[in-house]
Amino acid sequence: MLDLQEQWRKAGWTPIRIKEDPPFADTLQWRAQLRDVNKGGTSCWQAGNPYQAMLVVGRLEDNKRPEEERYLITLAMAKPWVRP
């Protein structure tokens, strides 16, 4: 997801709703938040007028593999649905 955000930045996309949903980063705070099954995170991006994207990441519990960290990453892309 970090690489995807960097690709979006290089292509001119800008993060939106930064106060509520800041872009993902490789920080201790983000790592702790993503490891918490009850938290996860969201990041929203604007690509000019045609598109907005929302990236949602959440940790999954897997009783068969409790020692592994597993995550569900959801990407939604559509015509703008929120004000930047």
PDB file of N, CA and C in Angstrom:
ATOM      1  N   MET A   1       0.807  -1.187   0.000  1.00  0.00           N
ATOM      2  CA  MET A   1       0.000   0.000   0.000  1.00  0.00           C
ATOM      3  C   MET A   1       0.852   1.253   0.000  1.00  0.00           C
ATOM      4  N   LEU A   2       2.034   1.176   0.644  1.00  0.00           N
ATOM      5  CA  LEU A   2       2.926   2.331   0.618  1.00  0.00           C
ATOM      6  C   LEU A   2       3.414   2.608  -0.804  1.00  0.00           C
ATOM      7  N   ASP A   3       3.756   1.551  -1.531  1.00  0.00           N
ATOM      8  CA  ASP A   3       4.205   1.701  -2.905  1.00  0.00           C
ATOM      9  C   ASP A   3       3.069   2.249  -3.787  1.00  0.00           C
ATOM     10  N   LEU A   4       1.866   1.764  -3.577  1.00  0.00           N
ATOM     11  CA  LEU A   4       0.724   2.245  -4.354  1.00  0.00           C
ATOM     12  C   LEU A   4       0.499   3.736  -4.110  1.00  0.00           C
ATOM     13  N   GLN A   5       0.557   4.156  -2.851  1.00  0.00           N
ATOM     14  CA  GLN A   5       0.394   5.584  -2.550  1.00  0.00           C
ATOM     15  C   GLN A   5       1.488   6.412  -3.232  1.00  0.00           C
ATOM     16  N   GLU A   6       2.726   5.908  -3.244  1.00  0.00           N
ATOM     17  CA  GLU A   6       3.823   6.630  -3.883  1.00  0.00           C
ATOM     18  C   GLU A   6       3.596   6.729  -5.399  1.00  0.00           C
ATOM     19  N   GLN A   7       3.071   5.674  -6.004  1.00  0.00           N
ATOM     20  CA  GLN A   7       2.751   5.721  -7.430  1.00  0.00           C
ATOM     21  C   GLN A   7       1.686   6.774  -7.697  1.00  0.00           C
ATOM     22  N   TRP A   8       0.676   6.831  -6.842  1.00  0.00           N
ATOM     23  CA  TRP A   8      -0.373   7.845  -7.003  1.00  0.00           C
ATOM     24  C   TRP A   8       0.211   9.247  -6.887  1.00  0.00           C
ATOM     25  N   ARG A   9       1.081   9.463  -5.895  1.00  0.00           N
ATOM     26  CA  ARG A   9       1.716  10.783  -5.723  1.00  0.00           C
ATOM     27  C   ARG A   9       2.479  11.178  -6.992  1.00  0.00           C
ATOM     28  N   LYS A  10       3.287  10.262  -7.509  1.00  0.00           N
ATOM     29  CA  LYS A  10       4.089  10.546  -8.707  1.00  0.00           C
ATOM     30  C   LYS A  10       3.212  10.845  -9.915  1.00  0.00           C
ATOM     31  N   ALA A  11       2.006  10.282  -9.938  1.00  0.00           N
ATOM     32  CA  ALA A  11       1.081  10.513 -11.055  1.00  0.00           C
ATOM     33  C   ALA A  11       0.229  11.766 -10.846  1.00  0.00           C
ATOM     34  N   GLY A  12       0.459  12.498  -9.747  1.00  0.00           N
ATOM     35  CA  GLY A  12      -0.267  13.738  -9.516  1.00  0.00           C
ATOM     36  C   GLY A  12      -1.492  13.619  -8.627  1.00  0.00           C
ATOM     37  N   TRP A  13      -1.751  12.433  -8.100  1.00  0.00           N
ATOM     38  CA  TRP A  13      -2.869  12.264  -7.175  1.00  0.00           C
ATOM     39  C   TRP A  13      -2.504  12.942  -5.854  1.00  0.00           C
ATOM     40  N   THR A  14      -3.518  13.421  -5.151  1.00  0.00           N
ATOM     41  CA  THR A  14      -3.273  14.064  -3.863  1.00  0.00           C
ATOM     42  C   THR A  14      -4.140  13.420  -2.787  1.00  0.00           C
ATOM     43  N   PRO A  15      -3.586  13.269  -1.581  1.00  0.00           N
ATOM     44  CA  PRO A  15      -4.391  12.732  -0.490  1.00  0.00           C
ATOM     45  C   PRO A  15      -5.429  13.763  -0.066  1.00  0.00           C
ATOM     46  N   ILE A  16      -6.614  13.291   0.277  1.00  0.00           N
ATOM     47  CA  ILE A  16      -7.696  14.173   0.744  1.00  0.00           C
ATOM     48  C   ILE A  16      -8.164  13.669   2.106  1.00  0.00           C
ATOM     49  N   ARG A  17      -8.905  14.514   2.802  1.00  0.00           N
ATOM     50  CA  ARG A  17      -9.426  14.178   4.137  1.00  0.00           C
ATOM     51  C   ARG A  17      -8.280  13.737   5.060  1.00  0.00           C
ATOM     52  N   ILE A  18      -7.161  14.441   4.947  1.00  0.00           N
ATOM     53  CA  ILE A  18      -5.942  14.070   5.665  1.00  0.00           C
ATOM     54  C   ILE A  18      -6.133  14.099   7.174  1.00  0.00           C
ATOM     55  N   LYS A  19      -6.925  15.044   7.654  1.00  0.00           N
ATOM     56  CA  LYS A  19      -7.131  15.140   9.106  1.00  0.00           C
ATOM     57  C   LYS A  19      -7.837  13.894   9.649  1.00  0.00           C
ATOM     58  N   GLU A  20      -8.860  13.421   8.936  1.00  0.00           N
ATOM     59  CA  GLU A  20      -9.628  12.250   9.376  1.00  0.00           C
ATOM     60  C   GLU A  20      -8.951  10.942   8.986  1.00  0.00           C
ATOM     61  N   ASP A  21      -8.384  10.896   7.783  1.00  0.00           N
ATOM     62  CA  ASP A  21      -7.805   9.667   7.238  1.00  0.00           C
ATOM     63  C   ASP A  21      -6.464   9.968   6.565  1.00  0.00           C
ATOM     64  N   PRO A  22      -5.393  10.117   7.341  1.00  0.00           N
ATOM     65  CA  PRO A  22      -4.095  10.446   6.732  1.00  0.00           C
ATOM     66  C   PRO A  22      -3.560   9.292   5.894  1.00  0.00           C
ATOM     67  N   PRO A  23      -2.693   9.594   4.931  1.00  0.00           N
ATOM     68  CA  PRO A  23      -2.085   8.525   4.134  1.00  0.00           C
ATOM     69  C   PRO A  23      -1.315   7.555   5.040  1.00  0.00           C
ATOM     70  N   PHE A  24      -1.239   6.316   4.606  1.00  0.00           N
ATOM     71  CA  PHE A  24      -0.478   5.315   5.350  1.00  0.00           C
ATOM     72  C   PHE A  24       1.000   5.670   5.299  1.00  0.00           C
ATOM     73  N   ALA A  25       1.717   5.340   6.363  1.00  0.00           N
ATOM     74  CA  ALA A  25       3.150   5.604   6.436  1.00  0.00           C
ATOM     75  C   ALA A  25       3.806   4.494   7.253  1.00  0.00           C
ATOM     76  N   ASP A  26       5.092   4.329   7.047  1.00  0.00           N
ATOM     77  CA  ASP A  26       5.833   3.313   7.780  1.00  0.00           C
ATOM     78  C   ASP A  26       6.332   3.925   9.089  1.00  0.00           C
ATOM     79  N   THR A  27       5.411   4.069  10.044  1.00  0.00           N
ATOM     80  CA  THR A  27       5.743   4.635  11.349  1.00  0.00           C
ATOM     81  C   THR A  27       5.314   3.665  12.444  1.00  0.00           C
ATOM     82  N   LEU A  28       5.851   3.849  13.630  1.00  0.00           N
ATOM     83  CA  LEU A  28       5.454   3.005  14.759  1.00  0.00           C
ATOM     84  C   LEU A  28       3.965   3.158  15.064  1.00  0.00           C
ATOM     85  N   GLN A  29       3.459   4.381  14.951  1.00  0.00           N
ATOM     86  CA  GLN A  29       2.043   4.639  15.224  1.00  0.00           C
ATOM     87  C   GLN A  29       1.149   3.877  14.240  1.00  0.00           C
ATOM     88  N   TRP A  30       1.462   3.961  12.941  1.00  0.00           N
ATOM     89  CA  TRP A  30       0.658   3.251  11.946  1.00  0.00           C
ATOM     90  C   TRP A  30       0.762   1.741  12.146  1.00  0.00           C
ATOM     91  N   ARG A  31       1.959   1.235  12.418  1.00  0.00           N
ATOM     92  CA  ARG A  31       2.126  -0.206  12.611  1.00  0.00           C
ATOM     93  C   ARG A  31       1.278  -0.693  13.776  1.00  0.00           C
ATOM     94  N   ALA A  32       1.293   0.049  14.876  1.00  0.00           N
ATOM     95  CA  ALA A  32       0.492  -0.335  16.051  1.00  0.00           C
ATOM     96  C   ALA A  32      -0.992  -0.298  15.725  1.00  0.00           C
ATOM     97  N   GLN A  33      -1.421   0.726  15.014  1.00  0.00           N
ATOM     98  CA  GLN A  33      -2.838   0.848  14.657  1.00  0.00           C
ATOM     99  C   GLN A  33      -3.282  -0.291  13.754  1.00  0.00           C
ATOM    100  N   LEU A  34      -2.459  -0.648  12.769  1.00  0.00           N
ATOM    101  CA  LEU A  34      -2.839  -1.712  11.845  1.00  0.00           C
ATOM    102  C   LEU A  34      -2.788  -3.096  12.494  1.00  0.00           C
ATOM    103  N   ARG A  35      -1.944  -3.272  13.488  1.00  0.00           N
ATOM    104  CA  ARG A  35      -1.881  -4.561  14.176  1.00  0.00           C
ATOM    105  C   ARG A  35      -3.083  -4.781  15.085  1.00  0.00           C
ATOM    106  N   ASP A  36      -3.761  -3.711  15.452  1.00  0.00           N
ATOM    107  CA  ASP A  36      -4.938  -3.810  16.309  1.00  0.00           C
ATOM    108  C   ASP A  36      -6.137  -4.225  15.447  1.00  0.00           C
ATOM    109  N   VAL A  37      -6.668  -5.394  15.728  1.00  0.00           N
ATOM    110  CA  VAL A  37      -7.780  -5.941  14.940  1.00  0.00           C
ATOM    111  C   VAL A  37      -8.990  -5.005  14.946  1.00  0.00           C
ATOM    112  N   ASN A  38      -9.136  -4.207  15.984  1.00  0.00           N
ATOM    113  CA  ASN A  38     -10.305  -3.336  16.108  1.00  0.00           C
ATOM    114  C   ASN A  38     -10.119  -1.951  15.493  1.00  0.00           C
ATOM    115  N   LYS A  39      -8.968  -1.679  14.902  1.00  0.00           N
ATOM    116  CA  LYS A  39      -8.731  -0.332  14.367  1.00  0.00           C
ATOM    117  C   LYS A  39      -8.583  -0.319  12.858  1.00  0.00           C
ATOM    118  N   GLY A  40      -7.419  -0.671  12.338  1.00  0.00           N
ATOM    119  CA  GLY A  40      -7.197  -0.575  10.899  1.00  0.00           C
ATOM    120  C   GLY A  40      -7.024   0.862  10.478  1.00  0.00           C
ATOM    121  N   GLY A  41      -7.152   1.122   9.177  1.00  0.00           N
ATOM    122  CA  GLY A  41      -6.983   2.480   8.693  1.00  0.00           C
ATOM    123  C   GLY A  41      -7.561   2.682   7.310  1.00  0.00           C
ATOM    124  N   THR A  42      -7.735   3.959   6.970  1.00  0.00           N
ATOM    125  CA  THR A  42      -8.295   4.363   5.683  1.00  0.00           C
ATOM    126  C   THR A  42      -7.501   5.546   5.154  1.00  0.00           C
ATOM    127  N   SER A  43      -7.308   5.587   3.854  1.00  0.00           N
ATOM    128  CA  SER A  43      -6.659   6.715   3.203  1.00  0.00           C
ATOM    129  C   SER A  43      -7.437   7.030   1.926  1.00  0.00           C
ATOM    130  N   CYS A  44      -7.728   8.310   1.711  1.00  0.00           N
ATOM    131  CA  CYS A  44      -8.499   8.729   0.531  1.00  0.00           C
ATOM    132  C   CYS A  44      -7.639   9.617  -0.367  1.00  0.00           C
ATOM    133  N   TRP A  45      -7.836   9.470  -1.678  1.00  0.00           N
ATOM    134  CA  TRP A  45      -7.014  10.166  -2.666  1.00  0.00           C
ATOM    135  C   TRP A  45      -7.883  10.757  -3.772  1.00  0.00           C
ATOM    136  N   GLN A  46      -7.420  11.868  -4.350  1.00  0.00           N
ATOM    137  CA  GLN A  46      -8.112  12.562  -5.439  1.00  0.00           C
ATOM    138  C   GLN A  46      -7.224  12.580  -6.666  1.00  0.00           C
ATOM    139  N   ALA A  47      -7.783  12.200  -7.814  1.00  0.00           N
ATOM    140  CA  ALA A  47      -7.065  12.249  -9.091  1.00  0.00           C
ATOM    141  C   ALA A  47      -7.780  13.241  -9.995  1.00  0.00           C
ATOM    142  N   GLY A  48      -7.501  14.522  -9.803  1.00  0.00           N
ATOM    143  CA  GLY A  48      -8.189  15.539 -10.584  1.00  0.00           C
ATOM    144  C   GLY A  48      -9.686  15.454 -10.355  1.00  0.00           C
ATOM    145  N   ASN A  49     -10.455  15.700 -11.402  1.00  0.00           N
ATOM    146  CA  ASN A  49     -11.908  15.603 -11.282  1.00  0.00           C
ATOM    147  C   ASN A  49     -12.472  14.220 -11.554  1.00  0.00           C
ATOM    148  N   PRO A  50     -11.779  13.373 -12.324  1.00  0.00           N
ATOM    149  CA  PRO A  50     -12.451  12.135 -12.712  1.00  0.00           C
ATOM    150  C   PRO A  50     -12.584  11.077 -11.622  1.00  0.00           C
ATOM    151  N   TYR A  51     -11.624  10.996 -10.673  1.00  0.00           N
ATOM    152  CA  TYR A  51     -11.654   9.865  -9.754  1.00  0.00           C
ATOM    153  C   TYR A  51     -11.293  10.233  -8.324  1.00  0.00           C
ATOM    154  N   GLN A  52     -11.829   9.445  -7.415  1.00  0.00           N
ATOM    155  CA  GLN A  52     -11.364   9.399  -6.039  1.00  0.00           C
ATOM    156  C   GLN A  52     -11.122   7.932  -5.720  1.00  0.00           C
ATOM    157  N   ALA A  53     -10.166   7.702  -4.831  1.00  0.00           N
ATOM    158  CA  ALA A  53      -9.862   6.334  -4.414  1.00  0.00           C
ATOM    159  C   ALA A  53      -9.834   6.286  -2.896  1.00  0.00           C
ATOM    160  N   MET A  54     -10.265   5.159  -2.360  1.00  0.00           N
ATOM    161  CA  MET A  54     -10.221   4.934  -0.925  1.00  0.00           C
ATOM    162  C   MET A  54      -9.521   3.601  -0.692  1.00  0.00           C
ATOM    163  N   LEU A  55      -8.495   3.626   0.134  1.00  0.00           N
ATOM    164  CA  LEU A  55      -7.722   2.446   0.479  1.00  0.00           C
ATOM    165  C   LEU A  55      -8.010   2.133   1.943  1.00  0.00           C
ATOM    166  N   VAL A  56      -8.517   0.930   2.216  1.00  0.00           N
ATOM    167  CA  VAL A  56      -8.870   0.520   3.578  1.00  0.00           C
ATOM    168  C   VAL A  56      -8.062  -0.729   3.930  1.00  0.00           C
ATOM    169  N   VAL A  57      -7.415  -0.710   5.095  1.00  0.00           N
ATOM    170  CA  VAL A  57      -6.596  -1.836   5.531  1.00  0.00           C
ATOM    171  C   VAL A  57      -7.026  -2.235   6.941  1.00  0.00           C
ATOM    172  N   GLY A  58      -7.230  -3.527   7.132  1.00  0.00           N
ATOM    173  CA  GLY A  58      -7.591  -4.039   8.446  1.00  0.00           C
ATOM    174  C   GLY A  58      -6.951  -5.392   8.695  1.00  0.00           C
ATOM    175  N   ARG A  59      -6.594  -5.641   9.929  1.00  0.00           N
ATOM    176  CA  ARG A  59      -5.973  -6.916  10.282  1.00  0.00           C
ATOM    177  C   ARG A  59      -7.038  -7.985  10.439  1.00  0.00           C
ATOM    178  N   LEU A  60      -6.708  -9.191  10.001  1.00  0.00           N
ATOM    179  CA  LEU A  60      -7.607 -10.334  10.124  1.00  0.00           C
ATOM    180  C   LEU A  60      -7.054 -11.300  11.161  1.00  0.00           C
ATOM    181  N   GLU A  61      -7.928 -11.849  11.944  1.00  0.00           N
ATOM    182  CA  GLU A  61      -7.527 -12.917  12.850  1.00  0.00           C
ATOM    183  C   GLU A  61      -7.752 -14.242  12.143  1.00  0.00           C
ATOM    184  N   ASP A  62      -6.751 -15.094  12.196  1.00  0.00           N
ATOM    185  CA  ASP A  62      -6.858 -16.412  11.586  1.00  0.00           C
ATOM    186  C   ASP A  62      -6.500 -17.434  12.663  1.00  0.00           C
ATOM    187  N   ASN A  63      -7.496 -18.121  13.171  1.00  0.00           N
ATOM    188  CA  ASN A  63      -7.273 -19.089  14.242  1.00  0.00           C
ATOM    189  C   ASN A  63      -6.361 -20.237  13.816  1.00  0.00           C
ATOM    190  N   LYS A  64      -6.309 -20.512  12.522  1.00  0.00           N
ATOM    191  CA  LYS A  64      -5.449 -21.587  12.031  1.00  0.00           C
ATOM    192  C   LYS A  64      -3.977 -21.168  11.997  1.00  0.00           C
ATOM    193  N   ARG A  65      -3.735 -19.858  11.891  1.00  0.00           N
ATOM    194  CA  ARG A  65      -2.368 -19.333  11.825  1.00  0.00           C
ATOM    195  C   ARG A  65      -2.232 -18.117  12.747  1.00  0.00           C
ATOM    196  N   PRO A  66      -2.369 -18.315  14.036  1.00  0.00           N
ATOM    197  CA  PRO A  66      -2.367 -17.169  14.958  1.00  0.00           C
ATOM    198  C   PRO A  66      -1.043 -16.411  15.016  1.00  0.00           C
ATOM    199  N   GLU A  67       0.046 -17.039  14.597  1.00  0.00           N
ATOM    200  CA  GLU A  67       1.346 -16.372  14.652  1.00  0.00           C
ATOM    201  C   GLU A  67       1.595 -15.459  13.451  1.00  0.00           C
ATOM    202  N   GLU A  68       0.752 -15.537  12.427  1.00  0.00           N
ATOM    203  CA  GLU A  68       0.921 -14.718  11.221  1.00  0.00           C
ATOM    204  C   GLU A  68       0.093 -13.444  11.295  1.00  0.00           C
ATOM    205  N   GLU A  69       0.654 -12.372  10.777  1.00  0.00           N
ATOM    206  CA  GLU A  69      -0.111 -11.135  10.619  1.00  0.00           C
ATOM    207  C   GLU A  69      -0.708 -11.155   9.223  1.00  0.00           C
ATOM    208  N   ARG A  70      -2.028 -11.095   9.166  1.00  0.00           N
ATOM    209  CA  ARG A  70      -2.723 -11.123   7.869  1.00  0.00           C
ATOM    210  C   ARG A  70      -3.618  -9.895   7.793  1.00  0.00           C
ATOM    211  N   TYR A  71      -3.713  -9.326   6.593  1.00  0.00           N
ATOM    212  CA  TYR A  71      -4.456  -8.081   6.414  1.00  0.00           C
ATOM    213  C   TYR A  71      -5.383  -8.178   5.213  1.00  0.00           C
ATOM    214  N   LEU A  72      -6.516  -7.506   5.321  1.00  0.00           N
ATOM    215  CA  LEU A  72      -7.438  -7.370   4.209  1.00  0.00           C
ATOM    216  C   LEU A  72      -7.275  -5.945   3.685  1.00  0.00           C
ATOM    217  N   ILE A  73      -6.942  -5.820   2.417  1.00  0.00           N
ATOM    218  CA  ILE A  73      -6.764  -4.511   1.794  1.00  0.00           C
ATOM    219  C   ILE A  73      -7.872  -4.331   0.762  1.00  0.00           C
ATOM    220  N   THR A  74      -8.641  -3.273   0.916  1.00  0.00           N
ATOM    221  CA  THR A  74      -9.756  -2.989   0.021  1.00  0.00           C
ATOM    222  C   THR A  74      -9.492  -1.668  -0.696  1.00  0.00           C
ATOM    223  N   LEU A  75      -9.645  -1.675  -2.004  1.00  0.00           N
ATOM    224  CA  LEU A  75      -9.479  -0.472  -2.813  1.00  0.00           C
ATOM    225  C   LEU A  75     -10.804  -0.170  -3.492  1.00  0.00           C
ATOM    226  N   ALA A  76     -11.303   1.034  -3.256  1.00  0.00           N
ATOM    227  CA  ALA A  76     -12.523   1.497  -3.924  1.00  0.00           C
ATOM    228  C   ALA A  76     -12.149   2.693  -4.787  1.00  0.00           C
ATOM    229  N   MET A  77     -12.573   2.672  -6.057  1.00  0.00           N
ATOM    230  CA  MET A  77     -12.291   3.775  -6.959  1.00  0.00           C
ATOM    231  C   MET A  77     -13.578   4.117  -7.694  1.00  0.00           C
ATOM    232  N   ALA A  78     -13.893   5.418  -7.737  1.00  0.00           N
ATOM    233  CA  ALA A  78     -15.149   5.839  -8.359  1.00  0.00           C
ATOM    234  C   ALA A  78     -15.080   7.320  -8.700  1.00  0.00           C
ATOM    235  N   LYS A  79     -16.160   7.801  -9.289  1.00  0.00           N
ATOM    236  CA  LYS A  79     -16.288   9.237  -9.487  1.00  0.00           C
ATOM    237  C   LYS A  79     -16.297   9.870  -8.089  1.00  0.00           C
ATOM    238  N   PRO A  80     -15.840  11.116  -7.981  1.00  0.00           N
ATOM    239  CA  PRO A  80     -15.782  11.743  -6.653  1.00  0.00           C
ATOM    240  C   PRO A  80     -17.098  11.639  -5.890  1.00  0.00           C
ATOM    241  N   TRP A  81     -16.999  11.193  -4.615  1.00  0.00           N
ATOM    242  CA  TRP A  81     -18.183  11.056  -3.780  1.00  0.00           C
ATOM    243  C   TRP A  81     -18.108  11.895  -2.519  1.00  0.00           C
ATOM    244  N   VAL A  82     -16.930  12.456  -2.213  1.00  0.00           N
ATOM    245  CA  VAL A  82     -16.798  13.370  -1.082  1.00  0.00           C
ATOM    246  C   VAL A  82     -16.069  14.616  -1.544  1.00  0.00           C
ATOM    247  N   ARG A  83     -16.258  15.708  -0.829  1.00  0.00           N
ATOM    248  CA  ARG A  83     -15.537  16.946  -1.144  1.00  0.00           C
ATOM    249  C   ARG A  83     -14.105  16.810  -0.634  1.00  0.00           C
ATOM    250  N   PRO A  84     -13.125  17.120  -1.468  1.00  0.00           N
ATOM    251  CA  PRO A  84     -11.715  16.997  -1.054  1.00  0.00           C
ATOM    252  C   PRO A  84     -11.319  17.903   0.076  1.00  0.00           C
TER     253      PRO A  84
END
